[in-house]
Amino acid sequence: MTGTPRIPKAELTGVRGRLVKALTRRMFGSVPEPAEVMWHHPSVVMDTSALGRKVDKWDAVDPNLKTFAHMAVASLVGCSWCLDFNYFHAHHKGLDEVKAREVPRWRDSAVFSPLERRVLEYAEAMSQTPLTVTDELVQALLADLGPAGVVELTAVIGFANFSTRGNIALGVEGQGFAAACALEPLPRPTSTAAPTAPTAPTAAA
C-alpha cells in the first residue's frame, strides 16, 4: 500500500455530510477516512455507522473484551486503520489501553487473563478461511460468558471482519488517532499459532 486510498476521498456535502463532519470532528478530532472514501455512497456510510453504534451499545460482554476482539481481527487481517482507531478508542473510553496495545502480540504477552486469551483466540479463529473455531473453545466461552455473551461476542467479531476487510479492500490505512493522543506505538503483530485446546475457565478468569 502507498498510503493513498484506492478510491479518492469524496467531499462530505449536504445536510448529512455537514452533520457527519461536525460530529466526528467533535468526537475524534478529524473525519474518519473510511467515511470520506465511502461518501461516494452516503447511505452506506450512514447505515454502517448506525450499525456500528448499535453494536457498541450491546452490553452482555465487557467493553474491554470486545475492543480486544476487534483489534485481534484487525491485526490478523492487516487493517492498520482499525488497530489505530480501536487503540485510540480504548484510551478515549477509559478502557485498558495497556492490554489494548499488546493485542497484536497477544500470544507472546503475559498481560492477558485466561478469559481474555480465549476471546482473542476466538476472534482469530472466526477470522480464518476456513474458520478454525472448535467445539472446545466455544464450550469454554459459554462457561465464561453464557449464551447471550457468546452470541454478542460472535456478532462483534463478525462486524469487525466486515469493517476491517472493507477498509483493506478500499486501501484505507491508519490515520494517526492514537499518535495524536501521544499513545505508545503498537508493537508488530506476532505470527498466528495453530489452534490449541482452550484453557479451562476458572472463577478468577
C-alpha atoms as a PDB file:
ATOM      1  CA  MET A   1       0.000   0.000   0.000  1.00  0.00           C
ATOM      2  CA  THR A   2       1.091   3.559  -0.763  1.00  0.00           C
ATOM      3  CA  GLY A   3      -1.000   5.309   1.891  1.00  0.00           C
ATOM      4  CA  THR A   4      -3.425   6.539  -0.786  1.00  0.00           C
ATOM      5  CA  PRO A   5      -6.939   5.039  -0.794  1.00  0.00           C
ATOM      6  CA  ARG A   6      -7.854   3.043  -3.881  1.00  0.00           C
ATOM      7  CA  ILE A   7     -10.967   5.228  -4.258  1.00  0.00           C
ATOM      8  CA  PRO A   8     -10.420   9.002  -3.940  1.00  0.00           C
ATOM      9  CA  LYS A   9     -11.962  10.683  -0.911  1.00  0.00           C
ATOM     10  CA  ALA A  10     -15.239  12.474  -1.518  1.00  0.00           C
ATOM     11  CA  GLU A  11     -16.240  15.808  -0.030  1.00  0.00           C
ATOM     12  CA  LEU A  12     -18.905  15.340   2.647  1.00  0.00           C
ATOM     13  CA  THR A  13     -21.618  17.639   1.355  1.00  0.00           C
ATOM     14  CA  GLY A  14     -25.253  18.329   2.080  1.00  0.00           C
ATOM     15  CA  VAL A  15     -27.013  18.279   5.430  1.00  0.00           C
ATOM     16  CA  ARG A  16     -25.892  14.736   6.230  1.00  0.00           C
ATOM     17  CA  GLY A  17     -22.313  15.462   5.229  1.00  0.00           C
ATOM     18  CA  ARG A  18     -22.118  18.570   7.413  1.00  0.00           C
ATOM     19  CA  LEU A  19     -23.595  16.619  10.316  1.00  0.00           C
ATOM     20  CA  VAL A  20     -21.084  13.777   9.931  1.00  0.00           C
ATOM     21  CA  LYS A  21     -18.174  16.222   9.761  1.00  0.00           C
ATOM     22  CA  ALA A  22     -19.331  18.140  12.833  1.00  0.00           C
ATOM     23  CA  LEU A  23     -19.963  15.028  14.938  1.00  0.00           C
ATOM     24  CA  THR A  24     -16.805  13.155  14.003  1.00  0.00           C
ATOM     25  CA  ARG A  25     -14.538  16.158  14.415  1.00  0.00           C
ATOM     26  CA  ARG A  26     -16.001  16.749  17.862  1.00  0.00           C
ATOM     27  CA  MET A  27     -15.627  13.075  18.851  1.00  0.00           C
ATOM     28  CA  PHE A  28     -12.322  12.178  17.178  1.00  0.00           C
ATOM     29  CA  GLY A  29     -10.636  15.426  16.167  1.00  0.00           C
ATOM     30  CA  SER A  30     -10.923  14.679  12.447  1.00  0.00           C
ATOM     31  CA  VAL A  31     -13.222  12.971   9.978  1.00  0.00           C
ATOM     32  CA  PRO A  32     -12.518   9.208   9.782  1.00  0.00           C
ATOM     33  CA  GLU A  33     -11.006   8.380   6.409  1.00  0.00           C
ATOM     34  CA  PRO A  34     -13.368   5.443   5.754  1.00  0.00           C
ATOM     35  CA  ALA A  35     -16.284   7.891   5.856  1.00  0.00           C
ATOM     36  CA  GLU A  36     -14.574  10.158   3.321  1.00  0.00           C
ATOM     37  CA  VAL A  37     -13.748   7.283   0.986  1.00  0.00           C
ATOM     38  CA  MET A  38     -17.236   5.776   1.198  1.00  0.00           C
ATOM     39  CA  TRP A  39     -19.088   9.115   0.948  1.00  0.00           C
ATOM     40  CA  HIS A  40     -19.478   8.398  -2.773  1.00  0.00           C
ATOM     41  CA  HIS A  41     -22.441   6.380  -1.428  1.00  0.00           C
ATOM     42  CA  PRO A  42     -23.675   8.352   1.634  1.00  0.00           C
ATOM     43  CA  SER A  43     -26.333   5.795   2.558  1.00  0.00           C
ATOM     44  CA  VAL A  44     -23.634   3.157   3.042  1.00  0.00           C
ATOM     45  CA  VAL A  45     -21.800   5.470   5.449  1.00  0.00           C
ATOM     46  CA  MET A  46     -24.931   6.371   7.400  1.00  0.00           C
ATOM     47  CA  ASP A  47     -26.271   2.831   7.649  1.00  0.00           C
ATOM     48  CA  THR A  48     -22.977   1.156   8.557  1.00  0.00           C
ATOM     49  CA  SER A  49     -22.265   3.897  11.106  1.00  0.00           C
ATOM     50  CA  ALA A  50     -25.689   3.331  12.644  1.00  0.00           C
ATOM     51  CA  LEU A  51     -24.978  -0.396  12.863  1.00  0.00           C
ATOM     52  CA  GLY A  52     -21.616   0.312  14.496  1.00  0.00           C
ATOM     53  CA  ARG A  53     -23.270   2.496  17.131  1.00  0.00           C
ATOM     54  CA  LYS A  54     -25.773  -0.253  17.889  1.00  0.00           C
ATOM     55  CA  VAL A  55     -23.010  -2.830  18.182  1.00  0.00           C
ATOM     56  CA  ASP A  56     -21.194  -0.508  20.600  1.00  0.00           C
ATOM     57  CA  LYS A  57     -24.294  -0.317  22.834  1.00  0.00           C
ATOM     58  CA  TRP A  58     -24.655  -4.076  23.335  1.00  0.00           C
ATOM     59  CA  ASP A  59     -23.860  -4.846  26.958  1.00  0.00           C
ATOM     60  CA  ALA A  60     -23.667  -8.606  27.501  1.00  0.00           C
ATOM     61  CA  VAL A  61     -19.859  -8.606  27.137  1.00  0.00           C
ATOM     62  CA  ASP A  62     -17.287  -6.382  28.837  1.00  0.00           C
ATOM     63  CA  PRO A  63     -16.231  -3.496  26.530  1.00  0.00           C
ATOM     64  CA  ASN A  64     -12.560  -4.374  27.018  1.00  0.00           C
ATOM     65  CA  LEU A  65     -13.142  -7.875  25.662  1.00  0.00           C
ATOM     66  CA  LYS A  66     -14.992  -6.547  22.622  1.00  0.00           C
ATOM     67  CA  THR A  67     -12.285  -3.988  21.876  1.00  0.00           C
ATOM     68  CA  PHE A  68      -9.564  -6.631  22.218  1.00  0.00           C
ATOM     69  CA  ALA A  69     -11.535  -8.932  19.891  1.00  0.00           C
ATOM     70  CA  HIS A  70     -11.913  -6.218  17.238  1.00  0.00           C
ATOM     71  CA  MET A  71      -8.212  -5.392  17.455  1.00  0.00           C
ATOM     72  CA  ALA A  72      -7.306  -9.073  17.151  1.00  0.00           C
ATOM     73  CA  VAL A  73      -9.278  -9.276  13.912  1.00  0.00           C
ATOM     74  CA  ALA A  74      -7.650  -6.081  12.622  1.00  0.00           C
ATOM     75  CA  SER A  75      -4.177  -7.351  13.483  1.00  0.00           C
ATOM     76  CA  LEU A  76      -4.768 -10.722  11.846  1.00  0.00           C
ATOM     77  CA  VAL A  77      -6.164  -9.394   8.567  1.00  0.00           C
ATOM     78  CA  GLY A  78      -3.897  -6.334   8.456  1.00  0.00           C
ATOM     79  CA  CYS A  79      -6.239  -3.369   8.966  1.00  0.00           C
ATOM     80  CA  SER A  80      -3.978  -0.632  10.334  1.00  0.00           C
ATOM     81  CA  TRP A  81      -6.890   1.834  10.459  1.00  0.00           C
ATOM     82  CA  CYS A  82      -8.966  -0.347  12.810  1.00  0.00           C
ATOM     83  CA  LEU A  83      -5.955  -1.103  15.006  1.00  0.00           C
ATOM     84  CA  ASP A  84      -5.168   2.608  15.317  1.00  0.00           C
ATOM     85  CA  PHE A  85      -8.783   3.637  15.914  1.00  0.00           C
ATOM     86  CA  ASN A  86      -9.567   0.935  18.487  1.00  0.00           C
ATOM     87  CA  TYR A  87      -6.355   1.707  20.386  1.00  0.00           C
ATOM     88  CA  PHE A  88      -7.496   5.337  20.455  1.00  0.00           C
ATOM     89  CA  HIS A  89     -10.998   4.151  21.435  1.00  0.00           C
ATOM     90  CA  ALA A  90      -9.605   2.218  24.409  1.00  0.00           C
ATOM     91  CA  HIS A  91      -7.836   5.365  25.615  1.00  0.00           C
ATOM     92  CA  HIS A  92     -10.816   7.642  24.958  1.00  0.00           C
ATOM     93  CA  LYS A  93     -13.302   5.336  26.723  1.00  0.00           C
ATOM     94  CA  GLY A  94     -11.085   4.648  29.746  1.00  0.00           C
ATOM     95  CA  LEU A  95     -10.536   1.000  28.842  1.00  0.00           C
ATOM     96  CA  ASP A  96      -7.335  -0.937  29.500  1.00  0.00           C
ATOM     97  CA  GLU A  97      -5.060   0.684  26.922  1.00  0.00           C
ATOM     98  CA  VAL A  98      -2.010  -1.218  28.229  1.00  0.00           C
ATOM     99  CA  LYS A  99      -3.636  -4.504  27.246  1.00  0.00           C
ATOM    100  CA  ALA A 100      -5.080  -2.995  24.061  1.00  0.00           C
ATOM    101  CA  ARG A 101      -1.554  -2.118  22.984  1.00  0.00           C
ATOM    102  CA  GLU A 102      -0.481  -5.742  23.487  1.00  0.00           C
ATOM    103  CA  VAL A 103      -3.213  -7.279  21.307  1.00  0.00           C
ATOM    104  CA  PRO A 104      -1.072  -7.565  18.139  1.00  0.00           C
ATOM    105  CA  ARG A 105       1.346  -9.821  20.054  1.00  0.00           C
ATOM    106  CA  TRP A 106      -1.119 -11.357  22.490  1.00  0.00           C
ATOM    107  CA  ARG A 107       0.187 -14.903  22.121  1.00  0.00           C
ATOM    108  CA  ASP A 108       3.594 -13.787  23.399  1.00  0.00           C
ATOM    109  CA  SER A 109       2.313 -11.352  26.026  1.00  0.00           C
ATOM    110  CA  ALA A 110       1.804 -12.152  29.702  1.00  0.00           C
ATOM    111  CA  VAL A 111      -0.716  -9.378  30.432  1.00  0.00           C
ATOM    112  CA  PHE A 112      -3.900 -11.198  29.413  1.00  0.00           C
ATOM    113  CA  SER A 113      -6.118 -13.315  31.647  1.00  0.00           C
ATOM    114  CA  PRO A 114      -7.202 -16.815  30.546  1.00  0.00           C
ATOM    115  CA  LEU A 115     -10.630 -15.417  29.571  1.00  0.00           C
ATOM    116  CA  GLU A 116      -9.083 -12.643  27.506  1.00  0.00           C
ATOM    117  CA  ARG A 117      -6.864 -15.141  25.732  1.00  0.00           C
ATOM    118  CA  ARG A 118      -9.878 -17.301  24.869  1.00  0.00           C
ATOM    119  CA  VAL A 119     -11.656 -14.241  23.444  1.00  0.00           C
ATOM    120  CA  LEU A 120      -8.602 -13.332  21.360  1.00  0.00           C
ATOM    121  CA  GLU A 121      -8.257 -16.907  20.136  1.00  0.00           C
ATOM    122  CA  TYR A 122     -11.942 -16.964  19.180  1.00  0.00           C
ATOM    123  CA  ALA A 123     -11.573 -13.681  17.267  1.00  0.00           C
ATOM    124  CA  GLU A 124      -8.695 -15.119  15.252  1.00  0.00           C
ATOM    125  CA  ALA A 125     -10.404 -18.470  14.730  1.00  0.00           C
ATOM    126  CA  MET A 126     -13.521 -16.756  13.366  1.00  0.00           C
ATOM    127  CA  SER A 127     -11.383 -14.664  11.007  1.00  0.00           C
ATOM    128  CA  GLN A 128      -9.575 -17.558   9.312  1.00  0.00           C
ATOM    129  CA  THR A 129     -10.660 -19.049   5.988  1.00  0.00           C
ATOM    130  CA  PRO A 130     -11.874 -21.661   6.613  1.00  0.00           C
ATOM    131  CA  LEU A 131     -12.843 -20.946  10.213  1.00  0.00           C
ATOM    132  CA  THR A 132     -10.833 -22.761  12.876  1.00  0.00           C
ATOM    133  CA  VAL A 133     -13.390 -22.459  15.696  1.00  0.00           C
ATOM    134  CA  THR A 134     -13.552 -25.598  17.842  1.00  0.00           C
ATOM    135  CA  ASP A 135     -16.297 -27.051  19.998  1.00  0.00           C
ATOM    136  CA  GLU A 136     -13.943 -26.939  22.985  1.00  0.00           C
ATOM    137  CA  LEU A 137     -13.290 -23.208  22.590  1.00  0.00           C
ATOM    138  CA  VAL A 138     -16.983 -22.354  22.307  1.00  0.00           C
ATOM    139  CA  GLN A 139     -17.816 -24.504  25.334  1.00  0.00           C
ATOM    140  CA  ALA A 140     -15.157 -22.703  27.365  1.00  0.00           C
ATOM    141  CA  LEU A 141     -16.556 -19.326  26.294  1.00  0.00           C
ATOM    142  CA  LEU A 142     -20.077 -20.458  27.194  1.00  0.00           C
ATOM    143  CA  ALA A 143     -18.837 -21.190  30.697  1.00  0.00           C
ATOM    144  CA  ASP A 144     -17.211 -17.749  30.787  1.00  0.00           C
ATOM    145  CA  LEU A 145     -19.844 -15.554  29.194  1.00  0.00           C
ATOM    146  CA  GLY A 146     -23.095 -17.505  28.943  1.00  0.00           C
ATOM    147  CA  PRO A 147     -25.116 -17.966  25.733  1.00  0.00           C
ATOM    148  CA  ALA A 148     -26.015 -14.277  25.336  1.00  0.00           C
ATOM    149  CA  GLY A 149     -22.395 -13.275  25.781  1.00  0.00           C
ATOM    150  CA  VAL A 150     -21.137 -15.752  23.178  1.00  0.00           C
ATOM    151  CA  VAL A 151     -23.795 -14.607  20.706  1.00  0.00           C
ATOM    152  CA  GLU A 152     -22.802 -10.970  21.254  1.00  0.00           C
ATOM    153  CA  LEU A 153     -19.086 -11.693  21.003  1.00  0.00           C
ATOM    154  CA  THR A 154     -19.660 -13.646  17.787  1.00  0.00           C
ATOM    155  CA  ALA A 155     -21.630 -10.754  16.282  1.00  0.00           C
ATOM    156  CA  VAL A 156     -18.971  -8.242  17.335  1.00  0.00           C
ATOM    157  CA  ILE A 157     -16.249 -10.314  15.668  1.00  0.00           C
ATOM    158  CA  GLY A 158     -18.407 -10.666  12.550  1.00  0.00           C
ATOM    159  CA  PHE A 159     -18.835  -6.884  12.433  1.00  0.00           C
ATOM    160  CA  ALA A 160     -15.087  -6.452  12.931  1.00  0.00           C
ATOM    161  CA  ASN A 161     -14.424  -8.654   9.893  1.00  0.00           C
ATOM    162  CA  PHE A 162     -16.941  -6.647   7.880  1.00  0.00           C
ATOM    163  CA  SER A 163     -15.323  -3.302   8.695  1.00  0.00           C
ATOM    164  CA  THR A 164     -11.664  -4.338   8.647  1.00  0.00           C
ATOM    165  CA  ARG A 165     -11.817  -6.178   5.353  1.00  0.00           C
ATOM    166  CA  GLY A 166     -13.742  -3.337   3.725  1.00  0.00           C
ATOM    167  CA  ASN A 167     -11.099  -0.840   4.824  1.00  0.00           C
ATOM    168  CA  ILE A 168      -8.295  -3.007   3.472  1.00  0.00           C
ATOM    169  CA  ALA A 169     -10.055  -3.512   0.135  1.00  0.00           C
ATOM    170  CA  LEU A 170     -10.545   0.258  -0.242  1.00  0.00           C
ATOM    171  CA  GLY A 171      -6.929   0.987   0.704  1.00  0.00           C
ATOM    172  CA  VAL A 172      -7.719   2.817   3.968  1.00  0.00           C
ATOM    173  CA  GLU A 173      -4.753   2.853   6.349  1.00  0.00           C
ATOM    174  CA  GLY A 174      -4.017   4.086   9.880  1.00  0.00           C
ATOM    175  CA  GLN A 175      -4.955   7.728  10.415  1.00  0.00           C
ATOM    176  CA  GLY A 176      -2.854   8.576  13.468  1.00  0.00           C
ATOM    177  CA  PHE A 177      -5.626   8.797  16.071  1.00  0.00           C
ATOM    178  CA  ALA A 178      -3.502   7.058  18.711  1.00  0.00           C
ATOM    179  CA  ALA A 179      -0.414   9.134  17.931  1.00  0.00           C
ATOM    180  CA  ALA A 180      -2.462  12.297  18.385  1.00  0.00           C
ATOM    181  CA  CYS A 181      -3.089  11.171  21.981  1.00  0.00           C
ATOM    182  CA  ALA A 182       0.640  10.503  22.446  1.00  0.00           C
ATOM    183  CA  LEU A 183      -0.016   6.790  22.970  1.00  0.00           C
ATOM    184  CA  GLU A 184       2.907   4.399  22.642  1.00  0.00           C
ATOM    185  CA  PRO A 185       3.153   2.859  19.157  1.00  0.00           C
ATOM    186  CA  LEU A 186       1.591  -0.545  18.712  1.00  0.00           C
ATOM    187  CA  PRO A 187       4.021  -3.470  18.521  1.00  0.00           C
ATOM    188  CA  ARG A 188       4.383  -5.527  15.382  1.00  0.00           C
ATOM    189  CA  PRO A 189       1.984  -8.489  15.228  1.00  0.00           C
ATOM    190  CA  THR A 190       3.301 -11.937  16.009  1.00  0.00           C
ATOM    191  CA  SER A 191       2.501 -14.867  13.783  1.00  0.00           C
ATOM    192  CA  THR A 192      -0.755 -16.700  14.371  1.00  0.00           C
ATOM    193  CA  ALA A 193      -0.206 -20.060  16.032  1.00  0.00           C
ATOM    194  CA  ALA A 194      -2.162 -23.169  15.204  1.00  0.00           C
ATOM    195  CA  PRO A 195      -5.351 -23.643  17.262  1.00  0.00           C
ATOM    196  CA  THR A 196      -4.766 -25.197  20.657  1.00  0.00           C
ATOM    197  CA  ALA A 197      -7.080 -26.593  23.293  1.00  0.00           C
ATOM    198  CA  PRO A 198      -8.553 -23.682  25.286  1.00  0.00           C
ATOM    199  CA  THR A 199      -7.591 -23.148  28.884  1.00  0.00           C
ATOM    200  CA  ALA A 200     -10.355 -24.331  31.186  1.00  0.00           C
ATOM    201  CA  PRO A 201     -12.327 -21.411  32.670  1.00  0.00           C
ATOM    202  CA  THR A 202     -11.786 -20.644  36.319  1.00  0.00           C
ATOM    203  CA  ALA A 203     -13.527 -18.405  38.782  1.00  0.00           C
ATOM    204  CA  ALA A 204     -10.637 -15.971  38.594  1.00  0.00           C
ATOM    205  CA  ALA A 205     -10.636 -15.757  34.766  1.00  0.00           C
END
